[in-house]
Amino acid sequence: MRLSSPAASILAAALLVPAFSVPHAVAAAPATAKPPAAAPAAPANPNPVVASVNGQDIHLDDVRQAAATMPAQLRQLPPNMIFPMLLNQLIDQKAIQAAATRSGLQNQPEVQQQMNAAAANALQNAYLSQQVTPGLTDAAIQAYYTQNYANKKPEPEIHARHILVATEAQAQDIIKQLKGGADFGALAAKLSTDKASAKQNGGDLGWFKKGDMLPAFSDAAFAMKPHSFSQVPVHTQYGWHVIQVLDTRTASVPKLADVRDEIRQKLIQQGVRDAVEKAVAAVKVVRYDPTGKPIPATPAAPATK
């Protein structure tokens, strides 16, 4: 779903400014001459044709839409540079499409399948955007913030790192080395199978709340004191962990401005889920196994009183 950013909107507005000024008259009329009656101004075309390729028009709106998809760094260019650059791209695209059509590519089954998939995807995105966008109001964002942030008590957080290995024996050996004075970060970088965290300052996981991690991991970590490491290995579905707690704190309630984008993304995700569930409920679905045999529908759970 593409939603235009403020920068894109500003750029699109800038593209409305004529690229050329009206030339001055060659000779000014005498000062005593009576000016001719002004003709009524023709209404400006808000979406004029800016180019034509084999009779296919390219309108200013097409340039605006292309501008909305530009990378942020290119949006910093002056509008009088952006306009011809985007127009040339649109002309190139039309020319390539014309060449592809002349070659008959649109008649090839694989190409037809790709074109149909692209059309179906565009229709799906347009529908989801239509369903979701009206719910992304300031009032909805404020309500979500009030319910999920402002009215909740501050939660404790810990800053920890870990070393993940495959066996309990390996974890026990790491604990033994730590008790002997080994450096936790060095062991994490050398031995941890969690390469993502091992490369980040020796197993550093950053700050997290209790619900952010698996229960076994969180229970062990939040029971520890700062500047201590686990005395027994902690087992999760990923393997055996040796944990070191670096510090603890109580997270403050964030301001609305700090989480506005996060809330908006969550509202989009929820809106998409709701739209999908509603659409699926309105159609008849028959499922088949890999052999083509119909799969009996799961009976709906009885309504509870």
Protein backbone atom coordinates (compact mmCIF):
# COMPACT_ATOMS: atom_id res chain seq x y z
CA MET A 1 0.00 0.00 0.00
CA ARG A 2 1.65 3.27 -0.96
CA LEU A 3 0.71 6.38 0.97
CA SER A 4 2.27 9.64 -0.22
CA SER A 5 4.66 11.35 2.19
CA PRO A 6 4.63 15.09 2.99
CA ALA A 7 7.81 15.50 0.93
CA ALA A 8 6.15 13.88 -2.05
CA SER A 9 3.10 16.11 -1.67
CA ILE A 10 5.27 19.23 -1.57
CA LEU A 11 7.14 18.05 -4.63
CA ALA A 12 3.90 17.34 -6.48
CA ALA A 13 2.66 20.82 -5.66
CA ALA A 14 5.92 22.30 -6.92
CA LEU A 15 5.44 20.54 -10.24
CA LEU A 16 2.33 22.64 -10.81
CA VAL A 17 4.50 25.74 -11.23
CA PRO A 18 5.04 26.47 -14.95
CA ALA A 19 8.56 25.74 -16.07
CA PHE A 20 8.71 28.84 -18.24
CA SER A 21 7.62 32.40 -17.57
CA VAL A 22 5.46 34.32 -20.03
CA PRO A 23 7.71 36.44 -22.31
CA HIS A 24 7.41 40.20 -22.14
CA ALA A 25 5.84 42.09 -25.05
CA VAL A 26 8.30 43.22 -27.66
CA ALA A 27 7.00 46.77 -27.65
CA ALA A 28 5.06 48.39 -24.86
CA ALA A 29 1.82 50.16 -25.73
CA PRO A 30 1.83 53.95 -25.48
CA ALA A 31 1.00 55.22 -22.01
CA THR A 32 -1.99 57.13 -23.31
CA ALA A 33 -3.47 54.18 -25.16
CA LYS A 34 -6.60 52.70 -23.69
CA PRO A 35 -5.97 49.12 -22.62
CA PRO A 36 -8.09 46.57 -24.48
CA ALA A 37 -10.87 44.85 -22.63
CA ALA A 38 -9.55 41.76 -20.86
CA ALA A 39 -10.83 38.49 -22.25
CA PRO A 40 -12.24 36.06 -19.69
CA ALA A 41 -9.49 33.74 -18.49
CA ALA A 42 -9.84 30.14 -19.58
CA PRO A 43 -9.89 27.68 -16.70
CA ALA A 44 -6.47 26.13 -16.17
CA ASN A 45 -6.19 22.44 -16.95
CA PRO A 46 -5.07 20.79 -13.68
CA ASN A 47 -3.83 17.72 -15.50
CA PRO A 48 -2.43 18.72 -18.90
CA VAL A 49 -0.75 16.42 -21.40
CA VAL A 50 3.02 16.79 -21.03
CA ALA A 51 4.14 14.29 -23.68
CA SER A 52 2.79 11.81 -26.21
CA VAL A 53 4.34 8.52 -27.36
CA ASN A 54 2.74 6.88 -30.40
CA GLY A 55 -0.46 8.71 -29.58
CA GLN A 56 -0.47 7.59 -25.92
CA ASP A 57 -0.65 10.68 -23.70
CA ILE A 58 1.43 11.24 -20.59
CA HIS A 59 -0.29 13.63 -18.18
CA LEU A 60 1.07 15.77 -15.38
CA ASP A 61 -0.62 13.44 -12.89
CA ASP A 62 1.60 10.63 -14.22
CA VAL A 63 4.66 12.73 -13.35
CA ARG A 64 3.24 13.50 -9.91
CA GLN A 65 2.70 9.80 -9.22
CA ALA A 66 6.26 9.03 -10.32
CA ALA A 67 7.54 11.80 -8.03
CA ALA A 68 5.76 10.23 -5.06
CA THR A 69 7.82 7.05 -5.49
CA MET A 70 11.21 8.74 -5.74
CA PRO A 71 13.91 7.99 -3.13
CA ALA A 72 14.21 10.68 -0.47
CA GLN A 73 17.65 11.84 -1.64
CA LEU A 74 16.38 12.54 -5.15
CA ARG A 75 13.47 14.58 -3.83
CA GLN A 76 16.00 17.17 -2.69
CA LEU A 77 16.71 18.13 -6.31
CA PRO A 78 15.10 21.31 -7.69
CA PRO A 79 11.68 20.71 -9.32
CA ASN A 80 12.94 22.05 -12.66
CA MET A 81 15.48 19.17 -12.67
CA ILE A 82 13.07 16.53 -11.39
CA PHE A 83 10.32 17.20 -13.93
CA PRO A 84 12.33 16.48 -17.11
CA MET A 85 14.07 13.54 -15.47
CA LEU A 86 10.78 11.86 -14.55
CA LEU A 87 9.19 12.75 -17.88
CA ASN A 88 12.08 11.12 -19.74
CA GLN A 89 11.64 7.99 -17.63
CA LEU A 90 7.93 7.84 -18.45
CA ILE A 91 8.67 8.31 -22.16
CA ASP A 92 11.25 5.51 -21.98
CA GLN A 93 8.71 3.23 -20.32
CA LYS A 94 6.10 3.94 -23.00
CA ALA A 95 8.68 3.28 -25.72
CA ILE A 96 9.69 -0.04 -24.15
CA GLN A 97 6.04 -1.07 -23.79
CA ALA A 98 5.46 -0.22 -27.46
CA ALA A 99 8.48 -2.29 -28.51
CA ALA A 100 7.35 -5.21 -26.35
CA THR A 101 3.86 -5.06 -27.84
CA ARG A 102 5.23 -5.02 -31.39
CA SER A 103 7.24 -8.14 -30.58
CA GLY A 104 4.13 -9.95 -29.34
CA LEU A 105 5.46 -10.58 -25.84
CA GLN A 106 2.01 -9.90 -24.38
CA ASN A 107 0.77 -13.10 -26.07
CA GLN A 108 3.27 -15.39 -24.36
CA PRO A 109 1.63 -17.45 -21.55
CA GLU A 110 4.31 -16.64 -18.96
CA VAL A 111 4.08 -12.91 -19.69
CA GLN A 112 0.28 -13.02 -19.58
CA GLN A 113 0.47 -14.74 -16.20
CA GLN A 114 2.82 -12.06 -14.87
CA MET A 115 0.59 -9.28 -16.24
CA ASN A 116 -2.51 -10.85 -14.69
CA ALA A 117 -0.70 -11.25 -11.36
CA ALA A 118 0.40 -7.59 -11.44
CA ALA A 119 -3.15 -6.45 -12.21
CA ALA A 120 -4.60 -8.62 -9.43
CA ASN A 121 -2.00 -7.29 -6.99
CA ALA A 122 -2.78 -3.68 -7.92
CA LEU A 123 -6.50 -4.30 -7.42
CA GLN A 124 -5.89 -5.96 -4.07
CA ASN A 125 -3.69 -3.09 -2.87
CA ALA A 126 -6.23 -0.52 -4.03
CA TYR A 127 -9.01 -2.29 -2.11
CA LEU A 128 -6.94 -2.59 1.06
CA SER A 129 -5.93 1.06 0.82
CA GLN A 130 -9.59 2.04 0.40
CA GLN A 131 -10.56 0.01 3.47
CA VAL A 132 -7.66 0.98 5.72
CA THR A 133 -6.87 4.62 4.96
CA PRO A 134 -10.09 6.11 6.41
CA GLY A 135 -9.18 4.61 9.80
CA LEU A 136 -5.79 6.33 9.98
CA THR A 137 -7.11 9.49 11.59
CA ASP A 138 -5.56 11.61 14.33
CA ALA A 139 -8.43 10.56 16.59
CA ALA A 140 -7.74 6.86 15.97
CA ILE A 141 -4.03 7.32 16.66
CA GLN A 142 -4.81 9.24 19.86
CA ALA A 143 -7.26 6.55 21.02
CA TYR A 144 -4.70 3.79 20.42
CA TYR A 145 -2.09 5.78 22.32
CA THR A 146 -4.41 6.38 25.25
CA GLN A 147 -5.36 2.71 25.49
CA ASN A 148 -1.98 1.12 24.89
CA TYR A 149 0.53 3.65 26.18
CA ALA A 150 -0.77 6.51 28.29
CA ASN A 151 -2.90 4.41 30.67
CA LYS A 152 -0.32 1.70 31.27
CA LYS A 153 2.10 1.65 34.16
CA PRO A 154 5.80 1.96 33.35
CA GLU A 155 7.40 -1.48 32.87
CA PRO A 156 10.79 -2.66 34.08
CA GLU A 157 13.40 -3.29 31.42
CA ILE A 158 16.79 -4.95 31.50
CA HIS A 159 19.87 -4.59 29.37
CA ALA A 160 21.39 -8.01 28.80
CA ARG A 161 23.57 -10.07 26.52
CA HIS A 162 23.76 -13.80 25.97
CA ILE A 163 25.77 -16.67 24.57
CA LEU A 164 23.74 -19.31 22.72
CA VAL A 165 25.12 -22.82 22.20
CA ALA A 166 23.72 -26.19 21.10
CA THR A 167 24.25 -28.30 24.23
CA GLU A 168 23.98 -27.94 27.97
CA ALA A 169 27.55 -29.20 28.37
CA GLN A 170 28.85 -26.34 26.21
CA ALA A 171 26.88 -23.83 28.28
CA GLN A 172 28.23 -25.33 31.51
CA ASP A 173 31.77 -25.01 30.20
CA ILE A 174 31.16 -21.34 29.31
CA ILE A 175 29.88 -20.65 32.85
CA LYS A 176 33.01 -22.32 34.21
CA GLN A 177 35.20 -20.06 32.06
CA LEU A 178 33.28 -16.97 33.19
CA LYS A 179 33.77 -17.93 36.81
CA GLY A 180 37.47 -18.18 36.04
CA GLY A 181 37.53 -14.59 34.78
CA ALA A 182 36.93 -15.00 31.04
CA ASP A 183 35.52 -12.03 29.14
CA PHE A 184 31.81 -12.49 28.34
CA GLY A 185 31.88 -10.48 25.13
CA ALA A 186 34.90 -12.33 23.78
CA LEU A 187 33.28 -15.71 24.48
CA ALA A 188 30.04 -14.58 22.82
CA ALA A 189 31.86 -13.43 19.69
CA LYS A 190 33.78 -16.69 19.53
CA LEU A 191 31.23 -19.33 20.60
CA SER A 192 27.64 -18.02 20.30
CA THR A 193 25.54 -19.52 17.52
CA ASP A 194 23.35 -16.40 17.57
CA LYS A 195 25.53 -14.65 15.03
CA ALA A 196 23.33 -11.56 14.84
CA SER A 197 23.83 -10.65 18.50
CA ALA A 198 27.35 -12.09 18.67
CA LYS A 199 28.49 -9.53 16.12
CA GLN A 200 26.86 -6.70 18.07
CA ASN A 201 29.20 -6.02 20.97
CA GLY A 202 29.54 -9.61 22.12
CA GLY A 203 25.99 -10.94 22.33
CA ASP A 204 24.34 -7.66 23.31
CA LEU A 205 20.53 -7.84 23.12
CA GLY A 206 19.92 -4.22 24.11
CA TRP A 207 17.06 -3.16 26.39
CA PHE A 208 13.93 -5.31 26.50
CA LYS A 209 10.79 -5.85 28.54
CA LYS A 210 9.79 -9.20 30.00
CA GLY A 211 7.21 -9.90 27.31
CA ASP A 212 9.70 -9.27 24.53
CA MET A 213 11.55 -12.56 25.03
CA LEU A 214 10.63 -16.22 25.39
CA PRO A 215 9.21 -16.96 28.88
CA ALA A 216 12.09 -19.20 30.03
CA PHE A 217 14.65 -16.63 28.93
CA SER A 218 12.78 -13.67 30.47
CA ASP A 219 12.08 -15.47 33.75
CA ALA A 220 15.75 -16.23 34.20
CA ALA A 221 17.01 -12.81 33.10
CA PHE A 222 14.56 -10.77 35.18
CA ALA A 223 15.41 -12.82 38.27
CA MET A 224 19.08 -11.82 38.02
CA LYS A 225 20.80 -8.78 39.46
CA PRO A 226 22.76 -6.28 37.38
CA HIS A 227 26.38 -7.17 36.59
CA SER A 228 25.78 -10.90 37.08
CA PHE A 229 25.66 -13.90 34.76
CA SER A 230 23.50 -17.00 34.96
CA GLN A 231 24.88 -19.75 37.17
CA VAL A 232 22.98 -22.48 35.34
CA PRO A 233 22.22 -22.72 31.60
CA VAL A 234 18.81 -21.52 30.40
CA HIS A 235 17.05 -23.76 27.87
CA THR A 236 14.73 -22.50 25.12
CA GLN A 237 13.64 -23.81 21.75
CA TYR A 238 16.76 -22.25 20.22
CA GLY A 239 19.28 -24.00 22.45
CA TRP A 240 21.12 -23.28 25.70
CA HIS A 241 21.76 -19.72 26.87
CA VAL A 242 24.23 -18.15 29.25
CA ILE A 243 22.86 -14.72 30.18
CA GLN A 244 24.56 -11.65 31.59
CA VAL A 245 22.44 -8.79 32.94
CA LEU A 246 24.19 -5.44 32.50
CA ASP A 247 21.63 -3.04 33.97
CA THR A 248 17.96 -2.50 34.85
CA ARG A 249 15.60 0.45 34.56
CA THR A 250 11.93 1.39 34.52
CA ALA A 251 10.79 2.46 31.08
CA SER A 252 8.95 5.77 31.01
CA VAL A 253 5.68 6.22 29.11
CA PRO A 254 6.63 7.49 25.64
CA LYS A 255 5.16 10.69 24.25
CA LEU A 256 2.63 10.44 21.44
CA ALA A 257 5.01 12.15 19.00
CA ASP A 258 7.67 9.50 19.67
CA VAL A 259 5.40 6.55 18.87
CA ARG A 260 3.06 8.10 16.31
CA ASP A 261 4.63 6.34 13.32
CA GLU A 262 4.70 3.04 15.21
CA ILE A 263 1.01 3.37 16.13
CA ARG A 264 0.11 4.24 12.55
CA GLN A 265 1.86 1.12 11.31
CA LYS A 266 0.01 -1.00 13.87
CA LEU A 267 -3.31 0.50 12.80
CA ILE A 268 -2.46 -0.31 9.18
CA GLN A 269 -1.64 -3.91 10.10
CA GLN A 270 -4.86 -4.28 12.09
CA GLY A 271 -6.89 -2.68 9.33
CA VAL A 272 -5.43 -5.05 6.75
CA ARG A 273 -6.19 -8.07 8.97
CA ASP A 274 -9.77 -6.91 9.47
CA ALA A 275 -10.28 -6.29 5.75
CA VAL A 276 -8.85 -9.71 4.85
CA GLU A 277 -11.01 -11.52 7.41
CA LYS A 278 -14.11 -9.71 6.16
CA ALA A 279 -13.30 -10.55 2.54
CA VAL A 280 -12.66 -14.22 3.30
CA ALA A 281 -15.90 -14.47 5.28
CA ALA A 282 -17.83 -13.22 2.23
CA VAL A 283 -16.64 -15.97 -0.15
CA LYS A 284 -16.90 -19.74 -0.36
CA VAL A 285 -13.53 -21.45 0.13
CA VAL A 286 -12.87 -25.07 -0.81
CA ARG A 287 -9.43 -26.46 0.06
CA TYR A 288 -7.67 -29.39 -1.62
CA ASP A 289 -4.70 -31.50 -0.58
CA PRO A 290 -1.62 -31.82 -2.86
CA THR A 291 -3.28 -34.73 -4.73
CA GLY A 292 -6.33 -32.62 -5.61
CA LYS A 293 -8.64 -34.29 -3.08
CA PRO A 294 -11.06 -31.90 -1.33
CA ILE A 295 -10.33 -31.31 2.35
CA PRO A 296 -13.46 -31.41 4.54
CA ALA A 297 -14.23 -28.04 6.03
CA THR A 298 -13.59 -27.67 9.75
CA PRO A 299 -16.97 -27.28 11.50
CA ALA A 300 -17.49 -23.99 13.22
CA ALA A 301 -17.28 -23.99 17.00
CA PRO A 302 -20.70 -23.92 18.71
CA ALA A 303 -21.75 -20.52 19.93
CA THR A 304 -21.42 -20.06 23.67
CA LYS A 305 -24.19 -18.49 25.67
